[in-house]
Amino acid sequence: MFHALGDRTRLRIVSRLSEGGPLSITRLTDGARITRQAVTKHLHALASAGLVASQRAGRERIWQLQPRRLEEVRRHLAAISRHWDDAIDRLRAFVETDPR
């Protein structure tokens, strides 16, 4: 899941889907300097991680985010953030302790 989101292009695709709702590959590549084949490859990586899913609509596939999986990502990141906040607080308390 984090590996899939660690790629800048895939993160941009997730952002586009987040802002624009479900989109076709044609819409995802509008204005981008990336081929449809490259976008398809990245979408499949995101789909393998459970972050996006597609449905066929005529001759196209419409891709959309999977909110439950994104919520799981958010929970993991929040836990990591809390861990680092706690570590910084412990370090601050140690450094600010009066050695006398």
C-alpha atoms as a PDB file:
ATOM      1  CA  MET A   1       0.000   0.000   0.000  1.00  0.00           C
ATOM      2  CA  PHE A   2       2.742   2.485   0.939  1.00  0.00           C
ATOM      3  CA  HIS A   3       4.903   1.267  -1.922  1.00  0.00           C
ATOM      4  CA  ALA A   4       2.065   2.034  -4.320  1.00  0.00           C
ATOM      5  CA  LEU A   5       1.676   5.523  -2.872  1.00  0.00           C
ATOM      6  CA  GLY A   6       5.437   6.101  -2.775  1.00  0.00           C
ATOM      7  CA  ASP A   7       5.596   6.767  -6.502  1.00  0.00           C
ATOM      8  CA  ARG A   8       5.094  10.419  -7.478  1.00  0.00           C
ATOM      9  CA  THR A   9       3.042   9.584 -10.584  1.00  0.00           C
ATOM     10  CA  ARG A  10       0.736   7.234  -8.669  1.00  0.00           C
ATOM     11  CA  LEU A  11       0.297   9.843  -5.966  1.00  0.00           C
ATOM     12  CA  ARG A  12      -0.724  12.358  -8.650  1.00  0.00           C
ATOM     13  CA  ILE A  13      -3.241   9.854 -10.033  1.00  0.00           C
ATOM     14  CA  VAL A  14      -4.713   9.365  -6.555  1.00  0.00           C
ATOM     15  CA  SER A  15      -4.913  13.136  -6.181  1.00  0.00           C
ATOM     16  CA  ARG A  16      -6.673  13.511  -9.550  1.00  0.00           C
ATOM     17  CA  LEU A  17      -9.179  10.808  -8.624  1.00  0.00           C
ATOM     18  CA  SER A  18      -9.695  12.422  -5.239  1.00  0.00           C
ATOM     19  CA  GLU A  19     -10.432  15.814  -6.770  1.00  0.00           C
ATOM     20  CA  GLY A  20     -12.278  14.716  -9.908  1.00  0.00           C
ATOM     21  CA  GLY A  21     -14.117  11.630  -8.801  1.00  0.00           C
ATOM     22  CA  PRO A  22     -14.194   8.524 -10.978  1.00  0.00           C
ATOM     23  CA  LEU A  23     -12.308   9.115 -14.233  1.00  0.00           C
ATOM     24  CA  SER A  24     -11.384   7.272 -17.390  1.00  0.00           C
ATOM     25  CA  ILE A  25      -7.783   6.855 -18.486  1.00  0.00           C
ATOM     26  CA  THR A  26      -8.484   9.444 -21.193  1.00  0.00           C
ATOM     27  CA  ARG A  27      -9.532  11.989 -18.547  1.00  0.00           C
ATOM     28  CA  LEU A  28      -6.627  11.037 -16.282  1.00  0.00           C
ATOM     29  CA  THR A  29      -4.129  11.737 -19.050  1.00  0.00           C
ATOM     30  CA  ASP A  30      -5.682  15.064 -20.169  1.00  0.00           C
ATOM     31  CA  GLY A  31      -3.013  17.720 -19.789  1.00  0.00           C
ATOM     32  CA  ALA A  32      -0.477  15.269 -18.414  1.00  0.00           C
ATOM     33  CA  ARG A  33       2.861  14.410 -19.940  1.00  0.00           C
ATOM     34  CA  ILE A  34       2.330  10.693 -19.542  1.00  0.00           C
ATOM     35  CA  THR A  35       1.040   8.069 -21.945  1.00  0.00           C
ATOM     36  CA  ARG A  36      -2.157   6.134 -21.470  1.00  0.00           C
ATOM     37  CA  GLN A  37      -0.084   2.954 -21.251  1.00  0.00           C
ATOM     38  CA  ALA A  38       1.955   4.415 -18.392  1.00  0.00           C
ATOM     39  CA  VAL A  39      -1.188   5.553 -16.566  1.00  0.00           C
ATOM     40  CA  THR A  40      -2.672   2.079 -17.033  1.00  0.00           C
ATOM     41  CA  LYS A  41       0.449   0.506 -15.528  1.00  0.00           C
ATOM     42  CA  HIS A  42       0.260   2.824 -12.507  1.00  0.00           C
ATOM     43  CA  LEU A  43      -3.479   2.235 -12.088  1.00  0.00           C
ATOM     44  CA  HIS A  44      -2.875  -1.517 -12.000  1.00  0.00           C
ATOM     45  CA  ALA A  45      -0.243  -1.037  -9.284  1.00  0.00           C
ATOM     46  CA  LEU A  46      -2.738   1.042  -7.284  1.00  0.00           C
ATOM     47  CA  ALA A  47      -5.445  -1.568  -7.885  1.00  0.00           C
ATOM     48  CA  SER A  48      -3.130  -4.342  -6.659  1.00  0.00           C
ATOM     49  CA  ALA A  49      -2.738  -2.373  -3.423  1.00  0.00           C
ATOM     50  CA  GLY A  50      -6.533  -2.043  -3.185  1.00  0.00           C
ATOM     51  CA  LEU A  51      -6.417   1.744  -3.492  1.00  0.00           C
ATOM     52  CA  VAL A  52      -8.421   2.021  -6.734  1.00  0.00           C
ATOM     53  CA  ALA A  53     -10.906  -0.095  -8.642  1.00  0.00           C
ATOM     54  CA  SER A  54     -12.386   0.104 -12.103  1.00  0.00           C
ATOM     55  CA  GLN A  55     -15.638  -0.625 -13.849  1.00  0.00           C
ATOM     56  CA  ARG A  56     -16.202  -1.017 -17.534  1.00  0.00           C
ATOM     57  CA  ALA A  57     -18.386   1.686 -19.088  1.00  0.00           C
ATOM     58  CA  GLY A  58     -18.802   0.937 -22.765  1.00  0.00           C
ATOM     59  CA  ARG A  59     -15.336   0.724 -24.290  1.00  0.00           C
ATOM     60  CA  GLU A  60     -13.643   2.498 -21.379  1.00  0.00           C
ATOM     61  CA  ARG A  61     -12.746   1.667 -17.839  1.00  0.00           C
ATOM     62  CA  ILE A  62     -13.705   4.162 -15.174  1.00  0.00           C
ATOM     63  CA  TRP A  63     -11.329   4.261 -12.216  1.00  0.00           C
ATOM     64  CA  GLN A  64     -12.223   5.365  -8.716  1.00  0.00           C
ATOM     65  CA  LEU A  65     -10.627   5.486  -5.296  1.00  0.00           C
ATOM     66  CA  GLN A  66     -11.435   2.884  -2.689  1.00  0.00           C
ATOM     67  CA  PRO A  67     -12.288   4.946   0.418  1.00  0.00           C
ATOM     68  CA  ARG A  68     -11.948   2.102   2.929  1.00  0.00           C
ATOM     69  CA  ARG A  69      -8.407   1.356   1.847  1.00  0.00           C
ATOM     70  CA  LEU A  70      -7.505   5.064   1.915  1.00  0.00           C
ATOM     71  CA  GLU A  71      -8.938   5.302   5.419  1.00  0.00           C
ATOM     72  CA  GLU A  72      -6.668   2.425   6.408  1.00  0.00           C
ATOM     73  CA  VAL A  73      -3.694   4.356   5.001  1.00  0.00           C
ATOM     74  CA  ARG A  74      -4.766   7.424   6.969  1.00  0.00           C
ATOM     75  CA  ARG A  75      -4.996   5.408  10.209  1.00  0.00           C
ATOM     76  CA  HIS A  76      -1.519   3.961   9.670  1.00  0.00           C
ATOM     77  CA  LEU A  77      -0.049   7.400   9.007  1.00  0.00           C
ATOM     78  CA  ALA A  78      -1.799   8.829  12.079  1.00  0.00           C
ATOM     79  CA  ALA A  79      -0.314   6.048  14.236  1.00  0.00           C
ATOM     80  CA  ILE A  80       3.159   6.708  12.832  1.00  0.00           C
ATOM     81  CA  SER A  81       2.695  10.429  13.447  1.00  0.00           C
ATOM     82  CA  ARG A  82       1.660   9.806  17.067  1.00  0.00           C
ATOM     83  CA  HIS A  83       4.713   7.599  17.535  1.00  0.00           C
ATOM     84  CA  TRP A  84       7.031  10.364  16.306  1.00  0.00           C
ATOM     85  CA  ASP A  85       5.230  13.020  18.365  1.00  0.00           C
ATOM     86  CA  ASP A  86       5.737  10.862  21.474  1.00  0.00           C
ATOM     87  CA  ALA A  87       9.413  10.334  20.630  1.00  0.00           C
ATOM     88  CA  ILE A  88       9.940  14.084  20.165  1.00  0.00           C
ATOM     89  CA  ASP A  89       8.178  14.797  23.468  1.00  0.00           C
ATOM     90  CA  ARG A  90      10.440  12.301  25.268  1.00  0.00           C
ATOM     91  CA  LEU A  91      13.524  13.827  23.652  1.00  0.00           C
ATOM     92  CA  ARG A  92      12.380  17.345  24.581  1.00  0.00           C
ATOM     93  CA  ALA A  93      11.775  16.289  28.186  1.00  0.00           C
ATOM     94  CA  PHE A  94      15.211  14.668  28.333  1.00  0.00           C
ATOM     95  CA  VAL A  95      16.994  17.695  26.839  1.00  0.00           C
ATOM     96  CA  GLU A  96      15.125  20.211  28.999  1.00  0.00           C
ATOM     97  CA  THR A  97      15.692  18.308  32.234  1.00  0.00           C
ATOM     98  CA  ASP A  98      17.811  20.343  34.640  1.00  0.00           C
ATOM     99  CA  PRO A  99      21.014  18.318  35.188  1.00  0.00           C
ATOM    100  CA  ARG A 100      21.512  19.772  38.707  1.00  0.00           C
END
